[in-house]
Protein backbone atom coordinates (compact mmCIF):
# COMPACT_ATOMS: atom_id res chain seq x y z
CA MET A 1 111.82 123.32 75.42
CA PRO A 2 114.07 120.69 73.51
CA THR A 3 112.09 118.08 71.57
CA GLU A 4 114.01 115.25 73.28
CA PHE A 5 115.47 114.54 76.62
CA ASP A 6 117.74 111.47 77.77
CA TYR A 7 115.71 111.28 81.03
CA ILE A 8 112.26 112.23 81.94
CA ILE A 9 111.51 112.25 85.67
CA ILE A 10 107.77 112.27 86.71
CA GLY A 11 107.28 113.82 90.01
CA ALA A 12 109.53 116.51 91.65
CA GLY A 13 109.08 114.82 95.16
CA SER A 14 111.54 113.65 97.73
CA ALA A 15 112.90 111.13 95.19
CA GLY A 16 112.56 113.12 91.75
CA CYS A 17 114.43 116.05 93.00
CA VAL A 18 117.44 113.96 94.09
CA LEU A 19 117.60 112.31 90.52
CA ALA A 20 117.23 115.73 88.77
CA ASN A 21 120.25 116.91 90.54
CA ARG A 22 122.40 113.81 90.25
CA LEU A 23 121.57 112.91 86.65
CA SER A 24 122.03 116.55 85.52
CA GLU A 25 125.48 116.64 87.10
CA ASP A 26 126.67 115.40 83.68
CA PRO A 27 126.40 118.48 81.34
CA ASP A 28 125.96 116.08 78.38
CA THR A 29 122.71 114.51 79.82
CA ARG A 30 119.51 116.26 79.22
CA VAL A 31 116.80 116.01 81.94
CA LEU A 32 113.20 117.01 82.14
CA LEU A 33 111.53 117.09 85.51
CA ILE A 34 107.64 117.29 85.46
CA GLU A 35 105.73 118.10 88.68
CA ALA A 36 101.90 118.20 88.91
CA GLY A 37 101.90 120.81 91.73
CA PRO A 38 103.33 124.41 91.78
CA ARG A 39 106.55 125.70 92.83
CA ASP A 40 107.43 125.68 96.52
CA TYR A 41 106.73 129.48 96.98
CA HIS A 42 104.47 129.38 99.81
CA PRO A 43 106.14 130.92 102.97
CA PHE A 44 104.56 128.40 105.30
CA ILE A 45 106.52 125.69 103.48
CA HIS A 46 109.83 127.23 104.43
CA MET A 47 108.90 128.26 107.98
CA PRO A 48 108.71 124.89 109.92
CA GLY A 49 106.08 125.88 112.24
CA GLY A 50 103.93 126.75 109.11
CA ILE A 51 103.12 123.03 109.05
CA ALA A 52 100.01 123.75 111.06
CA LYS A 53 98.75 126.11 108.41
CA LEU A 54 99.63 124.02 105.60
CA VAL A 55 96.97 121.55 106.53
CA ASN A 56 94.23 123.59 104.73
CA GLN A 57 96.41 124.53 101.76
CA LYS A 58 94.94 122.28 99.17
CA VAL A 59 96.97 123.88 96.51
CA VAL A 60 99.97 122.01 97.72
CA ASN A 61 98.40 118.78 98.69
CA TRP A 62 96.88 115.96 96.70
CA ASP A 63 94.23 115.63 99.49
CA TYR A 64 93.60 111.83 99.38
CA ASP A 65 90.95 110.23 101.47
CA THR A 66 90.70 106.21 101.85
CA ALA A 67 87.81 104.30 101.17
CA PRO A 68 85.71 103.33 104.28
CA GLU A 69 87.84 101.20 106.46
CA PRO A 70 86.09 98.18 107.88
CA GLN A 71 88.11 97.72 111.07
CA LEU A 72 88.04 101.51 111.80
CA ASP A 73 84.23 101.88 112.23
CA GLY A 74 83.93 102.38 108.52
CA ARG A 75 85.75 105.73 108.72
CA THR A 76 87.47 107.33 105.54
CA LEU A 77 90.95 108.43 106.57
CA TRP A 78 92.76 111.46 105.25
CA TRP A 79 95.95 111.14 103.41
CA PRO A 80 97.77 114.29 102.78
CA ARG A 81 100.53 113.96 100.17
CA GLY A 82 102.73 116.79 98.85
CA LYS A 83 101.76 118.27 95.50
CA VAL A 84 104.47 120.72 95.08
CA LEU A 85 108.17 120.89 94.41
CA GLY A 86 109.74 118.80 97.02
CA GLY A 87 106.66 116.60 97.50
CA SER A 88 105.80 115.58 100.79
CA SER A 89 109.24 116.80 102.06
CA SER A 90 107.72 120.11 101.67
CA ILE A 91 104.82 119.53 103.99
CA ASN A 92 106.06 116.97 106.47
CA ALA A 93 107.19 117.32 110.13
CA MET A 94 110.81 117.20 109.05
CA CYS A 95 111.97 114.21 111.34
CA TYR A 96 115.05 112.77 110.13
CA ILE A 97 114.82 109.07 110.71
CA ARG A 98 116.50 106.24 108.54
CA GLY A 99 115.35 103.08 110.42
CA VAL A 100 117.69 100.33 111.63
CA PRO A 101 120.09 97.96 109.82
CA GLY A 102 117.71 95.11 110.24
CA ASP A 103 115.14 96.99 108.00
CA TYR A 104 117.32 96.95 105.01
CA ASP A 105 118.75 93.56 105.63
CA GLU A 106 115.10 92.49 105.60
CA TRP A 107 114.72 93.86 102.32
CA ALA A 108 117.72 92.02 100.96
CA ALA A 109 116.43 88.85 102.48
CA LEU A 110 113.08 89.38 100.72
CA GLY A 111 114.93 89.49 97.25
CA ALA A 112 115.99 93.43 96.98
CA ASP A 113 119.47 92.48 96.01
CA GLY A 114 121.87 95.51 96.73
CA TRP A 115 119.84 97.22 99.36
CA SER A 116 121.26 95.74 102.56
CA TRP A 117 122.21 98.18 105.19
CA ASN A 118 125.87 98.05 104.41
CA GLU A 119 124.98 98.84 100.76
CA ALA A 120 122.38 101.68 101.71
CA LEU A 121 124.47 103.35 104.40
CA PRO A 122 126.89 105.20 102.05
CA TYR A 123 123.97 106.63 100.15
CA PHE A 124 122.57 107.90 103.52
CA LYS A 125 125.93 109.61 104.33
CA ARG A 126 126.26 111.09 100.71
CA SER A 127 122.99 112.74 101.10
CA GLU A 128 123.40 113.97 104.68
CA ARG A 129 124.96 117.39 105.87
CA ASN A 130 124.55 116.84 109.66
CA SER A 131 125.22 119.88 111.91
CA ARG A 132 126.93 117.68 114.38
CA GLY A 133 129.66 116.62 111.72
CA ASP A 134 130.52 113.27 110.27
CA ASP A 135 131.31 109.94 111.82
CA ALA A 136 130.82 106.31 110.78
CA LEU A 137 127.19 106.67 110.46
CA HIS A 138 126.72 110.36 109.50
CA GLY A 139 127.80 112.54 106.55
CA SER A 140 128.52 116.35 106.88
CA LEU A 141 129.08 117.18 103.11
CA GLY A 142 125.76 116.18 101.40
CA PRO A 143 123.17 118.58 100.18
CA LEU A 144 120.38 117.57 102.68
CA TYR A 145 121.00 119.53 105.90
CA VAL A 146 120.21 117.79 109.14
CA SER A 147 119.99 119.82 112.24
CA ASP A 148 118.97 120.08 115.94
CA LEU A 149 115.91 122.04 116.46
CA ARG A 150 116.48 125.86 117.30
CA HIS A 151 113.33 126.24 119.61
CA THR A 152 111.58 123.42 121.71
CA ASN A 153 108.79 123.75 124.11
CA PRO A 154 109.34 122.96 127.75
CA LEU A 155 106.76 120.18 127.71
CA SER A 156 108.93 118.40 125.10
CA SER A 157 111.64 118.20 127.58
CA VAL A 158 109.04 117.02 130.25
CA PHE A 159 108.07 114.24 127.95
CA VAL A 160 111.77 112.99 127.68
CA ASP A 161 112.02 113.15 131.38
CA ALA A 162 108.80 111.26 131.80
CA ALA A 163 110.25 108.50 129.58
CA GLU A 164 113.21 108.23 131.64
CA GLN A 165 111.01 108.02 134.75
CA ALA A 166 109.17 105.10 132.97
CA GLY A 167 112.32 103.22 132.72
CA TYR A 168 113.56 104.07 129.23
CA ALA A 169 117.04 105.33 128.20
CA ARG A 170 117.59 108.81 126.84
CA ASN A 171 118.82 108.90 123.27
CA ARG A 172 120.46 111.90 121.64
CA ASP A 173 120.67 110.25 118.23
CA PHE A 174 118.01 107.93 116.86
CA ASN A 175 120.18 107.32 113.62
CA GLY A 176 123.12 106.31 115.70
CA ALA A 177 124.37 103.03 117.12
CA GLN A 178 121.11 102.47 119.09
CA GLN A 179 117.77 103.54 117.91
CA GLN A 180 115.77 102.65 121.06
CA GLY A 181 115.30 105.39 123.79
CA PHE A 182 113.85 108.85 124.06
CA GLY A 183 115.00 112.34 123.05
CA PHE A 184 114.68 115.06 120.53
CA TYR A 185 114.45 114.50 116.82
CA GLN A 186 116.93 115.87 114.45
CA VAL A 187 115.30 117.61 111.58
CA THR A 188 115.82 118.43 107.94
CA GLN A 189 116.28 122.05 108.40
CA LYS A 190 118.99 124.66 107.40
CA ASN A 191 119.50 127.66 109.43
CA GLY A 192 116.16 127.34 110.95
CA ALA A 193 114.13 126.72 107.68
CA ARG A 194 112.76 123.55 106.00
CA CYS A 195 115.27 121.81 103.85
CA SER A 196 113.10 119.83 101.64
CA SER A 197 114.43 117.68 98.69
CA ALA A 198 113.66 120.69 96.46
CA VAL A 199 115.86 123.21 98.59
CA ALA A 200 118.49 120.45 99.11
CA TYR A 201 118.78 119.00 95.59
CA LEU A 202 116.81 120.97 93.13
CA ASP A 203 117.71 124.55 93.95
CA PRO A 204 121.39 124.02 93.61
CA ALA A 205 120.80 122.60 90.15
CA ARG A 206 118.15 124.99 88.70
CA GLU A 207 120.65 127.11 86.75
CA ARG A 208 121.97 124.11 84.80
CA ARG A 209 121.19 124.47 81.13
CA ASN A 210 120.61 120.74 80.67
CA LEU A 211 118.02 120.56 83.44
CA GLN A 212 114.32 121.77 82.40
CA VAL A 213 111.64 121.90 85.44
CA VAL A 214 107.98 121.92 84.39
CA THR A 215 105.36 122.68 87.28
CA GLY A 216 101.66 122.58 87.16
CA ALA A 217 101.81 119.64 84.69
CA LEU A 218 99.82 116.33 85.16
CA VAL A 219 101.26 113.50 83.30
CA ASN A 220 98.42 111.35 81.72
CA ARG A 221 100.37 108.36 80.70
CA ILE A 222 103.77 107.10 79.63
CA THR A 223 104.08 106.27 76.08
CA PHE A 224 105.72 103.01 74.69
CA GLU A 225 107.06 101.77 71.31
CA HIS A 226 107.67 98.04 70.96
CA GLY A 227 107.46 97.61 74.53
CA ARG A 228 109.93 100.36 75.53
CA ALA A 229 109.10 103.60 77.36
CA THR A 230 109.60 106.44 74.97
CA GLY A 231 108.05 109.55 76.70
CA VAL A 232 105.13 110.98 78.28
CA VAL A 233 101.78 112.69 77.57
CA TYR A 234 100.93 115.47 79.83
CA ARG A 235 98.77 118.48 80.39
CA HIS A 236 100.26 121.94 80.96
CA GLY A 237 98.48 125.34 80.68
CA GLY A 238 95.37 123.52 79.15
CA ASN A 239 97.46 121.91 76.54
CA ALA A 240 98.12 118.19 75.90
CA LEU A 241 101.92 117.79 75.17
CA HIS A 242 104.10 114.79 74.42
CA GLN A 243 107.71 114.69 75.25
CA ARG A 244 110.19 112.03 74.25
CA ALA A 245 112.95 110.35 76.30
CA THR A 246 115.81 108.86 74.49
CA ARG A 247 117.30 106.73 77.44
CA GLU A 248 114.53 106.17 80.31
CA VAL A 249 111.42 107.41 81.87
CA LEU A 250 111.84 107.66 85.65
CA LEU A 251 108.54 107.57 87.67
CA CYS A 252 108.83 109.04 91.11
CA GLY A 253 105.26 109.80 91.87
CA GLY A 254 105.17 107.96 95.35
CA ALA A 255 103.17 105.19 96.63
CA ILE A 256 99.89 106.37 95.12
CA ASN A 257 100.65 108.21 92.01
CA SER A 258 103.31 105.78 90.59
CA PRO A 259 101.06 102.62 90.64
CA GLN A 260 98.27 104.64 89.42
CA LEU A 261 100.18 106.03 86.47
CA LEU A 262 101.52 102.45 85.63
CA MET A 263 97.99 101.22 85.44
CA LEU A 264 96.89 104.28 83.10
CA SER A 265 99.76 103.45 80.91
CA GLY A 266 98.86 99.76 80.57
CA ILE A 267 100.93 98.26 83.10
CA GLY A 268 99.00 96.30 85.99
CA PRO A 269 96.20 93.79 86.52
CA ALA A 270 94.87 93.04 83.29
CA ALA A 271 91.16 92.68 84.34
CA GLN A 272 91.12 96.16 86.19
CA LEU A 273 92.77 97.83 83.12
CA ARG A 274 90.19 96.33 80.66
CA LYS A 275 87.37 97.35 83.05
CA HIS A 276 88.37 101.01 82.32
CA GLY A 277 89.16 100.61 78.56
CA ILE A 278 93.01 100.57 79.15
CA GLU A 279 94.97 98.61 76.55
CA VAL A 280 97.10 96.07 78.43
CA LEU A 281 100.66 96.45 77.63
CA ALA A 282 101.97 94.35 80.61
CA ASP A 283 99.66 91.95 82.88
CA ALA A 284 101.26 92.96 86.14
CA ALA A 285 98.98 91.53 88.84
CA HIS A 286 100.84 93.19 91.75
CA VAL A 287 100.83 96.86 90.78
CA GLY A 288 99.19 98.61 93.35
CA GLN A 289 99.15 95.82 95.94
CA ASN A 290 101.18 95.34 99.09
CA LEU A 291 100.20 98.67 100.37
CA GLN A 292 101.49 99.48 103.84
CA ASP A 293 101.20 102.28 106.20
CA HIS A 294 101.79 103.26 109.90
CA LEU A 295 98.54 103.48 111.81
CA ASP A 296 98.94 106.18 114.50
CA ILE A 297 96.94 106.64 117.80
CA CYS A 298 97.00 109.91 119.55
CA THR A 299 96.50 110.39 123.34
CA LEU A 300 95.58 113.97 124.35
CA HIS A 301 95.49 115.69 127.67
CA HIS A 302 94.60 119.19 128.87
CA SER A 303 97.53 121.22 130.27
CA THR A 304 97.06 123.16 133.56
CA GLN A 305 99.68 125.72 132.37
CA ARG A 306 99.37 127.95 129.30
CA ILE A 307 102.74 127.18 127.63
CA THR A 308 101.60 124.79 124.83
CA TYR A 309 101.39 126.05 121.26
CA ASP A 310 97.59 125.79 121.18
CA ARG A 311 97.01 129.67 121.58
CA ALA A 312 100.32 131.06 120.46
CA SER A 313 99.85 134.37 118.61
CA GLU A 314 100.22 133.58 114.84
CA LEU A 315 101.31 137.17 114.28
CA LYS A 316 104.10 136.92 116.85
CA VAL A 317 105.33 133.70 115.55
CA ILE A 318 105.43 134.92 111.98
CA PHE A 319 107.26 138.21 113.12
CA ASP A 320 109.67 136.47 115.19
CA TYR A 321 110.53 133.96 112.58
CA PHE A 322 110.86 136.30 109.51
CA MET A 323 112.13 139.37 111.32
CA ARG A 324 114.33 137.86 114.03
CA GLY A 325 116.59 135.49 112.21
CA HIS A 326 114.29 132.45 111.97
CA SER A 327 113.90 132.30 115.77
CA GLY A 328 111.11 131.21 118.16
CA ILE A 329 108.11 128.84 117.54
CA GLY A 330 108.12 129.38 113.78
CA SER A 331 111.44 127.20 113.73
CA SER A 332 109.73 124.34 115.44
CA ASN A 333 108.76 121.07 113.70
CA MET A 334 105.83 120.78 116.25
CA ALA A 335 106.61 116.98 116.73
CA GLU A 336 109.88 117.83 118.52
CA ALA A 337 110.52 114.89 120.81
CA GLY A 338 109.94 111.31 120.52
CA GLY A 339 111.16 107.81 121.03
CA PHE A 340 111.43 104.16 120.05
CA VAL A 341 110.41 101.26 122.19
CA ARG A 342 110.87 97.52 121.92
CA SER A 343 107.59 96.20 123.33
CA ARG A 344 106.90 92.91 125.16
CA TYR A 345 105.41 91.47 121.84
CA ALA A 346 108.60 92.29 119.67
CA SER A 347 109.60 89.46 117.56
CA ASP A 348 113.23 90.48 117.16
CA GLU A 349 115.80 93.03 118.59
CA ARG A 350 114.24 96.03 116.61
CA ALA A 351 111.96 98.59 118.18
CA ASP A 352 108.54 98.08 117.21
CA ILE A 353 106.66 101.31 118.48
CA GLN A 354 107.53 104.89 117.76
CA PHE A 355 106.47 108.04 119.67
CA HIS A 356 106.10 111.69 118.59
CA PHE A 357 105.25 114.20 121.14
CA VAL A 358 103.54 117.52 120.22
CA PRO A 359 103.18 120.28 122.88
CA ALA A 360 99.70 121.09 121.48
CA MET A 361 96.26 119.57 121.07
CA LEU A 362 96.20 117.74 117.71
CA ASP A 363 93.01 116.14 116.69
CA ASP A 364 92.07 114.92 113.14
CA HIS A 365 95.55 115.97 111.81
CA GLY A 366 95.07 119.44 113.27
CA ARG A 367 91.98 120.07 111.15
CA HIS A 368 89.79 120.08 114.29
CA ARG A 369 90.76 122.89 116.56
CA LEU A 370 90.21 122.28 120.32
CA ALA A 371 89.47 124.87 122.94
CA GLY A 372 92.14 125.56 125.69
CA ASP A 373 95.79 124.23 125.91
CA GLY A 374 97.02 120.61 125.80
CA TYR A 375 99.58 118.14 124.55
CA THR A 376 99.43 115.00 122.26
CA VAL A 377 101.44 111.82 122.38
CA HIS A 378 101.55 109.93 118.85
CA ALA A 379 102.28 106.27 118.76
CA CYS A 380 102.55 103.75 116.01
CA PHE A 381 103.25 100.15 115.61
CA LEU A 382 106.25 100.20 113.08
CA ARG A 383 105.72 96.61 111.62
CA PRO A 384 102.22 96.26 110.71
CA ARG A 385 101.31 92.80 109.11
CA SER A 386 98.25 94.07 107.33
CA ARG A 387 98.30 94.75 103.62
CA GLY A 388 96.18 96.90 101.36
CA HIS A 389 95.81 97.88 97.88
CA LEU A 390 94.84 100.82 95.59
CA GLU A 391 92.78 100.56 92.38
CA LEU A 392 91.75 102.89 89.61
CA ALA A 393 88.71 104.68 89.69
CA SER A 394 88.69 105.63 85.89
CA ALA A 395 91.18 105.87 83.04
CA SER A 396 91.64 109.50 83.88
CA ALA A 397 94.91 110.72 85.79
CA GLY A 398 92.71 113.50 87.19
CA ASP A 399 90.46 111.24 88.99
CA LYS A 400 91.92 110.05 92.31
CA PRO A 401 92.53 106.31 92.69
CA ARG A 402 90.60 104.25 95.34
CA LEU A 403 92.64 103.62 98.36
CA HIS A 404 92.05 100.65 100.52
CA PRO A 405 94.80 100.51 103.25
CA ASN A 406 93.08 97.57 105.10
CA TYR A 407 94.18 98.72 108.56
CA LEU A 408 93.96 96.16 111.34
CA GLY A 409 93.13 93.79 108.62
CA ASP A 410 95.70 90.88 109.39
CA ALA A 411 94.22 87.55 109.98
CA ASP A 412 95.35 87.14 113.60
CA GLY A 413 94.43 90.47 114.99
CA PHE A 414 98.16 91.39 115.88
CA ASP A 415 97.98 94.70 114.42
CA LEU A 416 95.05 95.76 116.74
CA LYS A 417 96.81 94.23 119.81
CA MET A 418 99.91 96.30 119.14
CA THR A 419 97.87 99.45 118.43
CA ILE A 420 96.36 99.01 121.79
CA GLU A 421 99.63 98.53 123.34
CA CYS A 422 100.59 101.91 121.86
CA ALA A 423 97.69 103.53 123.46
CA LYS A 424 98.73 101.73 126.92
CA LEU A 425 102.28 102.96 126.60
CA SER A 426 101.24 106.55 125.81
CA ARG A 427 99.02 106.50 128.82
CA ASP A 428 101.81 105.21 131.12
CA LEU A 429 104.21 108.05 129.91
CA LEU A 430 101.67 110.72 130.59
CA ARG A 431 101.20 109.16 134.10
CA GLN A 432 104.77 109.88 135.18
CA LYS A 433 105.75 112.43 137.68
CA ALA A 434 107.37 114.79 135.42
CA PHE A 435 103.90 115.62 134.05
CA ASP A 436 102.37 116.28 137.50
CA ALA A 437 102.70 120.07 137.30
CA TYR A 438 100.94 120.13 133.82
CA ARG A 439 98.47 117.17 133.71
CA GLY A 440 95.03 118.37 132.93
CA ALA A 441 91.83 116.25 132.26
CA PRO A 442 92.25 113.56 129.63
CA ILE A 443 90.75 114.52 126.23
CA PHE A 444 91.26 111.36 124.02
CA PRO A 445 90.46 108.96 125.40
CA ALA A 446 87.96 110.78 127.74
CA ARG A 447 89.04 108.37 130.52
CA ASP A 448 92.44 107.37 131.56
CA ASP A 449 91.32 104.06 133.16
CA LEU A 450 90.04 102.12 130.05
CA ASP A 451 90.40 98.43 129.92
CA ASP A 452 91.49 96.61 126.58
CA ALA A 453 87.88 96.54 125.27
CA GLY A 454 87.66 100.33 125.87
CA LEU A 455 91.20 101.02 124.29
CA GLU A 456 89.84 98.87 121.31
CA ALA A 457 86.94 101.06 120.61
CA PHE A 458 89.20 104.08 121.03
CA VAL A 459 91.59 102.68 118.31
CA ARG A 460 88.70 102.03 115.97
CA ALA A 461 87.10 105.46 116.59
CA LYS A 462 90.18 107.65 116.43
CA ALA A 463 93.34 106.01 114.83
CA GLU A 464 94.64 107.78 111.83
CA SER A 465 97.54 107.63 109.38
CA ILE A 466 100.98 108.90 110.13
CA TYR A 467 101.55 109.53 106.62
CA HIS A 468 103.99 106.74 105.64
CA PRO A 469 102.38 104.73 102.68
CA VAL A 470 104.83 102.48 100.88
CA GLY A 471 104.98 99.19 98.93
CA THR A 472 102.58 99.42 95.94
CA CYS A 473 105.53 98.82 93.35
CA ARG A 474 107.38 96.22 95.42
CA MET A 475 111.10 95.56 94.34
CA GLY A 476 112.48 92.06 94.47
CA ARG A 477 114.09 89.34 92.44
CA ASP A 478 110.94 87.33 92.13
CA GLU A 479 108.82 87.58 88.81
CA ALA A 480 105.78 88.84 90.88
CA SER A 481 107.45 91.99 92.07
CA VAL A 482 106.66 95.01 90.11
CA VAL A 483 110.25 96.38 89.78
CA ASP A 484 113.58 94.26 89.80
CA PRO A 485 116.30 95.30 92.36
CA GLN A 486 117.62 97.87 89.75
CA LEU A 487 114.14 99.32 89.97
CA ARG A 488 113.37 98.59 86.49
CA VAL A 489 109.58 97.80 85.65
CA ARG A 490 109.14 94.16 84.83
CA GLY A 491 107.54 93.45 81.27
CA VAL A 492 108.71 96.65 79.70
CA GLU A 493 112.00 98.34 78.84
CA GLY A 494 113.22 101.84 79.66
CA LEU A 495 111.21 102.46 82.68
CA ARG A 496 112.00 102.65 86.30
CA VAL A 497 110.09 103.38 89.56
CA ILE A 498 112.03 105.34 92.19
CA ASP A 499 110.20 106.20 95.26
CA ALA A 500 108.75 104.67 98.36
CA SER A 501 106.46 102.46 96.59
CA VAL A 502 109.24 100.08 95.77
CA MET A 503 110.01 99.32 99.38
CA PRO A 504 109.12 95.78 100.08
CA THR A 505 108.27 96.38 103.76
CA LEU A 506 107.96 99.60 105.96
CA ILE A 507 111.15 100.78 107.74
CA GLY A 508 110.96 101.26 111.38
CA GLY A 509 110.34 104.87 111.22
CA ASN A 510 109.65 107.96 109.08
CA THR A 511 110.14 107.26 105.51
CA ASN A 512 111.30 110.47 103.98
CA ALA A 513 114.96 109.93 104.43
CA PRO A 514 114.88 106.38 103.25
CA THR A 515 113.10 107.49 99.88
CA MET A 516 115.99 110.06 99.29
CA MET A 517 118.43 107.36 99.98
CA ILE A 518 116.65 105.18 97.40
CA ALA A 519 116.80 107.79 94.81
CA GLU A 520 120.71 108.49 95.53
CA ARG A 521 121.37 104.76 94.86
CA ALA A 522 119.10 104.91 91.79
CA ALA A 523 121.10 107.55 90.31
CA ASP A 524 124.17 105.40 90.67
CA LEU A 525 122.39 102.47 89.13
CA ILE A 526 121.20 104.67 86.06
CA ARG A 527 124.59 105.84 85.48
CA GLY A 528 126.32 102.50 85.87
CA ARG A 529 128.16 103.28 89.14
CA ALA A 530 126.44 100.87 91.40
């Protein structure tokens, strides 16, 4: 281990692996990548269908819970986040979604100069290796493999047929010229195996002599001299170590860990830091604020035919996948089909509701197994107005921060109205003729004739996160933003935040691909190429 590095990257997740690859392309640049979790050795990480089994693998999961949510019957919601090489890209459902041009133009309008759609698109294309080839909107030479699913369940096609019967268009490419409509998701897979950021970016760079990767290492704080980041203090193998960075420290911990580590290092709301005995380096009131997430409501029905994944033989799934060339159910991402809808309440031309269809019964993130066979429609409002925050529980990096998403907490109740609309549209889809041969009794909600009051109670009792927290280190040109448009932390030097926490607002869809795009562009910013 060298005594000094040019760059130290904290967190080997969706963004950190991208940076490790791009910065170490220069053989004269020394890069250290530090990850709190283990290597991505677990076979269920690489078998896409293994996502159902990863739920209980706490060794690769930060395993967060929110504080009781006032608008959700006081429930605490589970927030799984990847704690492993590849981060959440190693445990997610692999749906490759970018959002739409208006999402990024909105960022630019809010002060994120340089992050408009026209400026972001080249980095999406540089990252992507799409199995369908390249065109004006897609790349085919990047490290991140984007593919059509090898295996889909017949019910996923039924869902798309039902959407067409309900009056929606079919859509073969949600990242094409038009996002709205229904179809099958493209996924981050290579030859039927998961293509996480670790597989796509880190594996090809692992043999570079100028890149050092350390796993099982929890960073306690960032060190500073005269207001400039100079390194990190971390624990590894029971030892406390200090590593120095001669150029920059790059924080890629995600929407929870990045603001937590900033505060532990003295950058955050002064009163909160002093409460925990932390010396204030920079009084940054908005660190940990602006927390946003997509709240998801699941509608479940029993299936009259035994074709779902609920009672699939695990041994057969594993055998087919590993012994028969990554074939069968094991290559499914489970959330095979979906769609985007512009509701009657939409404020502009962008879709404001997203659907994921799962040909299995999914309750409590799959942690609660239900008897029999069934299917699930996920639906979420893409542009929530509610804003939450997180705060320190203590001055120790080993103590999880307190999460307050504030779901449905907007003043005018619009988020609740939209989540009820999500439940209504899900119910309408499941009522279509295409499901007649499969439709059993409703499960959640237990009745399919609920009025708005009944659906409101259903939402408050059952809505959950769909795993898209962002915004807690917001970027912008205003002085209240945590980082500037070059992702440099305000109030100090030599430190950037590069992950989903810098997003000013949620994009209209899944957040993994946009996080990798952010890191692609950040690498150019760091190297003076953007």
